[in-house]
């Protein structure tokens, strides 16, 4: 009599526990289902915010979200990128969206990652040289921003080009 040690995952599977391959397959399936649910929620959130993109699709692969569809204009496209990218667990957005043809295309905005101590006024001063231009940044990030004082470190904001 005594206690004998064995390698847990070696030998015949007789229904006691699961093999490493079965566990990995179940984990992969659970991750896939969670990613699909998160992607669906991102599409719904964009729609709820009034950001209409025809045939919008989001695919999540690890910490990267791939976004495709046809946006009405440049600002809608950029706002969708922000909705997706400012989601916990997403580190990168692969933008594969297209923009509907228009007579005049607006210039691409830049993005700014908020750091501790940032305010819209401080960002406006840095980018535009005038702290009083903060409403431009606030308006460019509506409807994701609901108040100029409600920004947080790590959040990414659109910084539009000032029109002449």
Protein backbone atom coordinates (compact mmCIF):
# COMPACT_ATOMS: atom_id res chain seq x y z
CA UNK A 1 0.00 0.00 0.00
CA UNK A 2 0.99 3.60 -0.53
CA UNK A 3 0.53 6.66 -2.64
CA UNK A 4 1.64 6.43 -6.25
CA UNK A 5 2.15 9.41 -8.53
CA UNK A 6 1.13 9.50 -12.19
CA UNK A 7 1.12 12.11 -14.93
CA UNK A 8 -2.40 13.50 -14.82
CA UNK A 9 -2.95 14.03 -18.55
CA UNK A 10 -1.33 10.84 -19.80
CA UNK A 11 -3.14 7.58 -20.41
CA UNK A 12 -6.60 6.68 -21.57
CA UNK A 13 -9.45 9.14 -21.15
CA UNK A 14 -12.28 7.37 -19.36
CA UNK A 15 -14.45 10.37 -18.56
CA UNK A 16 -12.63 11.55 -15.45
CA UNK A 17 -11.77 15.11 -16.29
CA UNK A 18 -10.96 16.33 -19.76
CA UNK A 19 -7.90 16.10 -21.90
CA UNK A 20 -5.77 19.16 -22.41
CA UNK A 21 -6.98 19.33 -26.02
CA UNK A 22 -10.62 19.24 -24.92
CA UNK A 23 -10.02 21.93 -22.32
CA UNK A 24 -8.21 24.11 -24.89
CA UNK A 25 -11.02 23.64 -27.42
CA UNK A 26 -13.66 24.59 -24.84
CA UNK A 27 -11.64 27.64 -23.77
CA UNK A 28 -11.18 28.72 -27.41
CA UNK A 29 -14.92 28.31 -28.04
CA UNK A 30 -15.75 30.35 -24.92
CA UNK A 31 -13.35 33.12 -26.01
CA UNK A 32 -14.84 33.10 -29.51
CA UNK A 33 -18.38 33.42 -28.09
CA UNK A 34 -17.32 36.23 -25.74
CA UNK A 35 -15.58 38.07 -28.61
CA UNK A 36 -18.65 37.74 -30.84
CA UNK A 37 -20.88 39.09 -28.05
CA UNK A 38 -18.50 42.01 -27.43
CA UNK A 39 -18.31 42.78 -31.16
CA UNK A 40 -22.11 42.75 -31.40
CA UNK A 41 -22.31 45.12 -28.43
CA UNK A 42 -19.83 47.50 -30.11
CA UNK A 43 -21.96 47.59 -33.27
CA UNK A 44 -25.07 48.19 -31.16
CA UNK A 45 -23.36 50.95 -29.14
CA UNK A 46 -22.29 52.75 -32.32
CA UNK A 47 -25.85 52.50 -33.62
CA UNK A 48 -27.29 53.70 -30.28
CA UNK A 49 -25.00 56.75 -30.51
CA UNK A 50 -26.36 57.53 -33.97
CA UNK A 51 -23.16 56.50 -35.73
CA UNK A 52 -24.63 54.77 -38.71
CA UNK A 53 -22.28 52.66 -40.79
CA UNK A 54 -23.77 50.52 -43.52
CA UNK A 55 -22.94 46.83 -43.11
CA UNK A 56 -20.84 47.56 -40.02
CA UNK A 57 -18.96 44.53 -38.81
CA UNK A 58 -16.54 44.13 -35.91
CA UNK A 59 -14.34 41.08 -35.53
CA UNK A 60 -12.24 40.71 -32.38
CA UNK A 61 -8.98 38.81 -32.57
CA UNK A 62 -7.15 38.79 -29.23
CA UNK A 63 -6.89 42.49 -28.31
CA UNK A 64 -7.42 43.78 -31.86
CA UNK A 65 -10.80 44.78 -33.29
CA UNK A 66 -11.21 44.78 -37.06
CA UNK A 67 -13.92 47.24 -38.15
CA UNK A 68 -15.46 47.34 -41.61
CA UNK A 69 -18.44 48.96 -43.28
CA UNK A 70 -19.38 52.12 -45.16
CA UNK A 71 -19.40 55.31 -43.06
CA UNK A 72 -21.33 58.39 -44.13
CA UNK A 73 -18.34 60.68 -43.54
CA UNK A 74 -14.87 60.98 -42.00
CA UNK A 75 -16.08 62.06 -38.56
CA UNK A 76 -18.49 59.11 -38.30
CA UNK A 77 -15.68 56.75 -39.25
CA UNK A 78 -13.37 58.24 -36.61
CA UNK A 79 -16.07 58.17 -33.93
CA UNK A 80 -16.75 54.49 -34.62
CA UNK A 81 -13.01 53.81 -34.25
CA UNK A 82 -13.14 55.56 -30.87
CA UNK A 83 -16.23 53.67 -29.70
CA UNK A 84 -14.51 50.39 -30.52
CA UNK A 85 -11.03 51.37 -29.33
CA UNK A 86 -12.19 52.89 -26.04
CA UNK A 87 -13.54 49.49 -25.01
CA UNK A 88 -11.84 47.55 -22.24
CA UNK A 89 -9.68 44.76 -23.64
CA UNK A 90 -9.12 46.41 -27.03
CA UNK A 91 -5.56 47.60 -27.67
CA UNK A 92 -5.76 48.17 -31.43
CA UNK A 93 -8.39 48.91 -34.05
CA UNK A 94 -7.77 47.76 -37.60
CA UNK A 95 -9.80 50.27 -39.59
CA UNK A 96 -11.10 48.73 -42.81
CA UNK A 97 -14.08 51.09 -43.15
CA UNK A 98 -14.75 53.05 -46.29
CA UNK A 99 -16.36 56.47 -46.61
CA UNK A 100 -19.25 57.35 -48.92
CA UNK A 101 -18.26 59.55 -51.84
CA UNK A 102 -18.79 63.25 -51.13
CA UNK A 103 -18.03 66.44 -52.99
CA UNK A 104 -15.88 67.69 -50.13
CA UNK A 105 -14.11 65.33 -47.77
CA UNK A 106 -13.22 66.65 -44.35
CA UNK A 107 -9.59 66.24 -43.27
CA UNK A 108 -8.65 63.38 -40.99
CA UNK A 109 -8.54 64.25 -37.32
CA UNK A 110 -5.67 63.24 -35.08
CA UNK A 111 -6.18 61.21 -31.92
CA UNK A 112 -5.04 62.16 -28.43
CA UNK A 113 -4.72 59.73 -25.52
CA UNK A 114 -5.80 61.40 -22.29
CA UNK A 115 -3.24 61.34 -19.48
CA UNK A 116 -3.72 62.07 -15.80
CA UNK A 117 -4.22 65.81 -15.31
CA UNK A 118 -5.52 66.43 -18.84
CA UNK A 119 -8.55 68.64 -19.40
CA UNK A 120 -10.10 69.57 -22.70
CA UNK A 121 -8.77 73.12 -22.16
CA UNK A 122 -5.26 71.83 -21.59
CA UNK A 123 -5.45 69.64 -24.69
CA UNK A 124 -6.83 72.56 -26.76
CA UNK A 125 -3.98 74.80 -25.55
CA UNK A 126 -1.42 72.16 -26.53
CA UNK A 127 -2.96 71.35 -29.94
CA UNK A 128 -4.48 74.66 -31.04
CA UNK A 129 -2.52 77.12 -28.92
CA UNK A 130 -5.78 78.37 -27.36
CA UNK A 131 -7.39 76.81 -24.29
CA UNK A 132 -10.72 78.41 -25.18
CA UNK A 133 -10.99 76.13 -28.23
CA UNK A 134 -11.89 73.20 -25.94
CA UNK A 135 -15.52 73.19 -27.22
CA UNK A 136 -14.18 72.17 -30.65
CA UNK A 137 -12.74 69.00 -29.10
CA UNK A 138 -15.86 68.43 -27.02
CA UNK A 139 -18.16 68.75 -30.06
CA UNK A 140 -15.88 66.48 -32.13
CA UNK A 141 -16.27 63.73 -29.54
CA UNK A 142 -20.03 63.91 -29.08
CA UNK A 143 -22.02 61.77 -28.44
CA UNK A 144 -19.31 59.70 -26.73
CA UNK A 145 -18.59 62.62 -24.40
CA UNK A 146 -21.58 63.94 -22.49
CA UNK A 147 -19.77 66.66 -20.51
CA UNK A 148 -16.47 68.49 -21.08
CA UNK A 149 -15.21 67.54 -17.61
CA UNK A 150 -15.87 63.81 -18.01
CA UNK A 151 -12.71 62.48 -19.60
CA UNK A 152 -10.44 59.83 -18.13
CA UNK A 153 -6.80 58.72 -18.47
CA UNK A 154 -6.35 56.22 -21.27
CA UNK A 155 -9.37 57.49 -23.21
CA UNK A 156 -8.63 58.42 -26.81
CA UNK A 157 -10.21 61.59 -28.23
CA UNK A 158 -10.65 62.98 -31.75
CA UNK A 159 -8.79 66.23 -32.35
CA UNK A 160 -10.23 67.74 -35.54
CA UNK A 161 -8.39 70.09 -37.83
CA UNK A 162 -9.60 73.65 -37.26
CA UNK A 163 -11.46 75.02 -40.23
CA UNK A 164 -10.08 78.23 -41.67
